[in-house]
Amino acid sequence: MPTELNSRQRAKLRGMAMSIKSQVHIGRGGLNAGAIREISSALDRDELIKVRVVADDRETRAAIMQAIADETGACLCGATGTAASYYRQSKEKRIKID
């Protein structure tokens, strides 16, 4: 189940995500189980990550970005072009968003 965030919290996370590099790249082959595992592992480790999605059209990219959020239980904080930022709180709660 995705973490519910209000617009102020998402804006803060988007700002924080601007300074991080993409940790996972999804190519033209699309989303697969290995990519989901890697994204989930990165979320467990860092809480806030950026993913690059390469797809032929905007609708396909948006669908893949939403599928990542649905399958990992993360919140899609923002998406610009081919980059999307995701947040999922870990047990340690490293990032303070309030």
N, C-alpha and C. Protein backbone atom coordinates (compact mmCIF):
# COMPACT_ATOMS: atom_id res chain seq x y z
N MET A 1 0.84 -1.18 0.00
CA MET A 1 0.00 0.00 0.00
C MET A 1 0.89 1.25 0.00
N PRO A 2 0.69 2.16 -0.91
CA PRO A 2 1.53 3.34 -0.99
C PRO A 2 1.37 4.25 0.22
N THR A 3 2.45 4.91 0.57
CA THR A 3 2.44 5.89 1.63
C THR A 3 1.66 7.10 1.13
N GLU A 4 0.69 7.56 1.90
CA GLU A 4 -0.08 8.73 1.51
C GLU A 4 0.65 9.99 1.97
N LEU A 5 0.93 10.86 1.03
CA LEU A 5 1.62 12.11 1.32
C LEU A 5 0.78 13.27 0.84
N ASN A 6 0.84 14.38 1.55
CA ASN A 6 0.14 15.56 1.06
C ASN A 6 1.03 16.32 0.08
N SER A 7 0.52 17.35 -0.54
CA SER A 7 1.26 18.05 -1.59
C SER A 7 2.52 18.73 -1.05
N ARG A 8 2.47 19.21 0.17
CA ARG A 8 3.64 19.86 0.77
C ARG A 8 4.77 18.84 0.98
N GLN A 9 4.42 17.65 1.44
CA GLN A 9 5.42 16.60 1.65
C GLN A 9 6.00 16.14 0.32
N ARG A 10 5.15 15.96 -0.69
CA ARG A 10 5.65 15.55 -2.02
C ARG A 10 6.58 16.61 -2.59
N ALA A 11 6.24 17.89 -2.41
CA ALA A 11 7.09 18.98 -2.91
C ALA A 11 8.45 18.96 -2.23
N LYS A 12 8.47 18.71 -0.93
CA LYS A 12 9.74 18.63 -0.21
C LYS A 12 10.59 17.48 -0.74
N LEU A 13 9.96 16.33 -0.95
CA LEU A 13 10.68 15.16 -1.45
C LEU A 13 11.17 15.38 -2.89
N ARG A 14 10.37 16.05 -3.71
CA ARG A 14 10.82 16.36 -5.08
C ARG A 14 12.05 17.24 -5.05
N GLY A 15 12.07 18.21 -4.16
CA GLY A 15 13.23 19.08 -4.01
C GLY A 15 14.46 18.31 -3.57
N MET A 16 14.28 17.39 -2.64
CA MET A 16 15.39 16.57 -2.18
C MET A 16 15.90 15.65 -3.30
N ALA A 17 14.98 15.17 -4.13
CA ALA A 17 15.34 14.23 -5.20
C ALA A 17 16.11 14.91 -6.32
N MET A 18 16.02 16.21 -6.42
CA MET A 18 16.73 16.91 -7.49
C MET A 18 18.24 16.72 -7.40
N SER A 19 18.75 16.54 -6.21
CA SER A 19 20.20 16.43 -6.03
C SER A 19 20.72 15.00 -6.12
N ILE A 20 19.84 14.01 -6.27
CA ILE A 20 20.33 12.62 -6.35
C ILE A 20 20.32 12.14 -7.80
N LYS A 21 21.20 11.20 -8.08
CA LYS A 21 21.29 10.62 -9.41
C LYS A 21 20.34 9.43 -9.52
N SER A 22 19.97 9.10 -10.74
CA SER A 22 19.10 7.95 -10.97
C SER A 22 19.81 6.69 -10.51
N GLN A 23 19.12 5.88 -9.73
CA GLN A 23 19.71 4.66 -9.21
C GLN A 23 19.35 3.44 -10.03
N VAL A 24 18.23 3.50 -10.73
CA VAL A 24 17.78 2.38 -11.55
C VAL A 24 17.34 2.93 -12.89
N HIS A 25 17.68 2.21 -13.96
CA HIS A 25 17.28 2.58 -15.31
C HIS A 25 16.42 1.47 -15.88
N ILE A 26 15.24 1.83 -16.38
CA ILE A 26 14.34 0.89 -17.03
C ILE A 26 14.46 1.15 -18.53
N GLY A 27 14.91 0.17 -19.28
CA GLY A 27 15.12 0.34 -20.71
C GLY A 27 13.88 0.06 -21.53
N ARG A 28 14.08 -0.01 -22.83
CA ARG A 28 12.98 -0.25 -23.75
C ARG A 28 12.34 -1.63 -23.57
N GLY A 29 13.05 -2.53 -22.91
CA GLY A 29 12.51 -3.86 -22.64
C GLY A 29 11.37 -3.83 -21.64
N GLY A 30 11.25 -2.74 -20.90
CA GLY A 30 10.15 -2.58 -19.96
C GLY A 30 10.49 -3.04 -18.56
N LEU A 31 9.48 -3.07 -17.76
CA LEU A 31 9.60 -3.41 -16.34
C LEU A 31 9.58 -4.92 -16.18
N ASN A 32 10.51 -5.45 -15.37
CA ASN A 32 10.52 -6.88 -15.11
C ASN A 32 10.74 -7.12 -13.62
N ALA A 33 10.70 -8.37 -13.21
CA ALA A 33 10.81 -8.71 -11.78
C ALA A 33 12.15 -8.29 -11.20
N GLY A 34 13.22 -8.41 -11.98
CA GLY A 34 14.54 -8.01 -11.50
C GLY A 34 14.62 -6.52 -11.21
N ALA A 35 14.01 -5.73 -12.07
CA ALA A 35 14.01 -4.28 -11.87
C ALA A 35 13.19 -3.92 -10.63
N ILE A 36 12.08 -4.58 -10.42
CA ILE A 36 11.25 -4.33 -9.23
C ILE A 36 12.02 -4.67 -7.97
N ARG A 37 12.75 -5.80 -7.98
CA ARG A 37 13.57 -6.17 -6.82
C ARG A 37 14.64 -5.12 -6.54
N GLU A 38 15.30 -4.65 -7.60
CA GLU A 38 16.35 -3.64 -7.44
C GLU A 38 15.78 -2.33 -6.90
N ILE A 39 14.63 -1.92 -7.40
CA ILE A 39 13.99 -0.69 -6.92
C ILE A 39 13.57 -0.84 -5.46
N SER A 40 13.00 -1.97 -5.11
CA SER A 40 12.58 -2.22 -3.74
C SER A 40 13.77 -2.22 -2.79
N SER A 41 14.85 -2.82 -3.22
CA SER A 41 16.08 -2.84 -2.42
C SER A 41 16.62 -1.43 -2.23
N ALA A 42 16.63 -0.62 -3.29
CA ALA A 42 17.10 0.76 -3.20
C ALA A 42 16.21 1.58 -2.27
N LEU A 43 14.90 1.35 -2.31
CA LEU A 43 13.98 2.05 -1.42
C LEU A 43 14.21 1.67 0.04
N ASP A 44 14.48 0.38 0.29
CA ASP A 44 14.78 -0.06 1.66
C ASP A 44 16.05 0.61 2.17
N ARG A 45 17.01 0.77 1.30
CA ARG A 45 18.30 1.32 1.67
C ARG A 45 18.25 2.85 1.83
N ASP A 46 17.58 3.55 0.88
CA ASP A 46 17.68 5.00 0.82
C ASP A 46 16.38 5.77 1.08
N GLU A 47 15.26 5.12 1.05
CA GLU A 47 13.92 5.72 1.21
C GLU A 47 13.49 6.59 0.03
N LEU A 48 14.36 7.42 -0.50
CA LEU A 48 14.04 8.30 -1.62
C LEU A 48 14.99 7.98 -2.77
N ILE A 49 14.42 7.59 -3.91
CA ILE A 49 15.26 7.24 -5.05
C ILE A 49 14.71 7.89 -6.31
N LYS A 50 15.55 7.89 -7.33
CA LYS A 50 15.15 8.38 -8.64
C LYS A 50 15.35 7.25 -9.64
N VAL A 51 14.36 7.07 -10.51
CA VAL A 51 14.39 6.02 -11.52
C VAL A 51 14.24 6.65 -12.90
N ARG A 52 15.04 6.21 -13.84
CA ARG A 52 14.97 6.68 -15.22
C ARG A 52 14.21 5.63 -16.03
N VAL A 53 13.19 6.06 -16.76
CA VAL A 53 12.38 5.15 -17.57
C VAL A 53 12.47 5.59 -19.04
N VAL A 54 13.01 4.70 -19.87
CA VAL A 54 13.10 4.98 -21.30
C VAL A 54 11.98 4.23 -21.99
N ALA A 55 11.09 4.96 -22.64
CA ALA A 55 9.98 4.34 -23.36
C ALA A 55 9.70 5.19 -24.60
N ASP A 56 9.04 4.59 -25.58
CA ASP A 56 8.81 5.27 -26.84
C ASP A 56 7.84 6.44 -26.74
N ASP A 57 6.84 6.33 -25.88
CA ASP A 57 5.87 7.42 -25.79
C ASP A 57 5.54 7.76 -24.34
N ARG A 58 4.93 8.89 -24.16
CA ARG A 58 4.63 9.44 -22.85
C ARG A 58 3.67 8.55 -22.05
N GLU A 59 2.68 7.99 -22.71
CA GLU A 59 1.68 7.16 -22.02
C GLU A 59 2.32 5.89 -21.47
N THR A 60 3.19 5.27 -22.26
CA THR A 60 3.88 4.06 -21.81
C THR A 60 4.77 4.37 -20.62
N ARG A 61 5.50 5.49 -20.69
CA ARG A 61 6.35 5.91 -19.58
C ARG A 61 5.53 6.13 -18.31
N ALA A 62 4.41 6.82 -18.44
CA ALA A 62 3.55 7.08 -17.28
C ALA A 62 3.01 5.79 -16.68
N ALA A 63 2.64 4.84 -17.54
CA ALA A 63 2.13 3.56 -17.06
C ALA A 63 3.20 2.77 -16.31
N ILE A 64 4.42 2.78 -16.83
CA ILE A 64 5.52 2.09 -16.16
C ILE A 64 5.83 2.74 -14.82
N MET A 65 5.85 4.08 -14.80
CA MET A 65 6.13 4.80 -13.55
C MET A 65 5.08 4.49 -12.48
N GLN A 66 3.82 4.42 -12.88
CA GLN A 66 2.75 4.10 -11.93
C GLN A 66 2.84 2.64 -11.49
N ALA A 67 3.20 1.75 -12.41
CA ALA A 67 3.34 0.33 -12.07
C ALA A 67 4.44 0.12 -11.04
N ILE A 68 5.53 0.88 -11.15
CA ILE A 68 6.61 0.79 -10.17
C ILE A 68 6.07 1.16 -8.79
N ALA A 69 5.33 2.25 -8.70
CA ALA A 69 4.76 2.67 -7.42
C ALA A 69 3.82 1.60 -6.86
N ASP A 70 2.97 1.06 -7.72
CA ASP A 70 2.01 0.05 -7.28
C ASP A 70 2.70 -1.22 -6.80
N GLU A 71 3.71 -1.68 -7.52
CA GLU A 71 4.36 -2.96 -7.20
C GLU A 71 5.31 -2.86 -6.01
N THR A 72 5.87 -1.68 -5.75
CA THR A 72 6.82 -1.55 -4.64
C THR A 72 6.18 -0.97 -3.38
N GLY A 73 4.96 -0.46 -3.49
CA GLY A 73 4.31 0.16 -2.34
C GLY A 73 4.88 1.52 -2.02
N ALA A 74 5.51 2.15 -3.01
CA ALA A 74 6.13 3.46 -2.82
C ALA A 74 5.20 4.56 -3.32
N CYS A 75 5.49 5.77 -2.92
CA CYS A 75 4.75 6.93 -3.38
C CYS A 75 5.52 7.56 -4.53
N LEU A 76 4.83 7.78 -5.65
CA LEU A 76 5.42 8.49 -6.78
C LEU A 76 5.38 9.97 -6.42
N CYS A 77 6.53 10.55 -6.08
CA CYS A 77 6.58 11.95 -5.63
C CYS A 77 6.48 12.92 -6.79
N GLY A 78 7.07 12.54 -7.91
CA GLY A 78 7.04 13.43 -9.06
C GLY A 78 7.72 12.77 -10.25
N ALA A 79 7.33 13.23 -11.42
CA ALA A 79 7.92 12.70 -12.64
C ALA A 79 8.12 13.85 -13.61
N THR A 80 9.32 13.93 -14.17
CA THR A 80 9.64 14.94 -15.15
C THR A 80 10.38 14.27 -16.29
N GLY A 81 9.78 14.27 -17.47
CA GLY A 81 10.40 13.61 -18.61
C GLY A 81 10.56 12.13 -18.35
N THR A 82 11.81 11.66 -18.37
CA THR A 82 12.06 10.23 -18.17
C THR A 82 12.42 9.89 -16.73
N ALA A 83 12.48 10.87 -15.84
CA ALA A 83 12.87 10.62 -14.46
C ALA A 83 11.67 10.67 -13.53
N ALA A 84 11.65 9.75 -12.58
CA ALA A 84 10.59 9.73 -11.57
C ALA A 84 11.23 9.51 -10.21
N SER A 85 10.71 10.18 -9.19
CA SER A 85 11.22 10.00 -7.84
C SER A 85 10.17 9.27 -7.00
N TYR A 86 10.67 8.35 -6.17
CA TYR A 86 9.81 7.51 -5.34
C TYR A 86 10.27 7.58 -3.90
N TYR A 87 9.29 7.51 -2.99
CA TYR A 87 9.58 7.52 -1.56
C TYR A 87 8.82 6.39 -0.90
N ARG A 88 9.54 5.66 -0.05
CA ARG A 88 8.91 4.64 0.80
C ARG A 88 9.64 4.67 2.13
N GLN A 89 8.91 4.95 3.19
CA GLN A 89 9.50 5.07 4.51
C GLN A 89 10.01 3.72 4.99
N SER A 90 11.22 3.71 5.53
CA SER A 90 11.77 2.48 6.09
C SER A 90 11.52 2.45 7.60
N LYS A 91 11.93 1.36 8.21
CA LYS A 91 11.74 1.24 9.66
C LYS A 91 12.56 2.28 10.42
N GLU A 92 13.71 2.66 9.86
CA GLU A 92 14.59 3.61 10.53
C GLU A 92 14.10 5.05 10.39
N LYS A 93 13.23 5.34 9.43
CA LYS A 93 12.69 6.67 9.17
C LYS A 93 13.80 7.71 9.08
N ARG A 94 14.70 7.52 8.09
CA ARG A 94 15.86 8.39 7.92
C ARG A 94 15.49 9.79 7.43
N ILE A 95 14.47 9.89 6.59
CA ILE A 95 14.07 11.17 6.01
C ILE A 95 12.88 11.71 6.78
N LYS A 96 13.03 12.91 7.30
CA LYS A 96 11.93 13.58 8.01
C LYS A 96 11.15 14.42 6.99
N ILE A 97 9.87 14.13 6.83
CA ILE A 97 9.09 14.85 5.82
C ILE A 97 8.03 15.76 6.43
N ASP A 98 7.93 15.80 7.74
CA ASP A 98 6.94 16.68 8.38
C ASP A 98 7.53 17.99 8.77
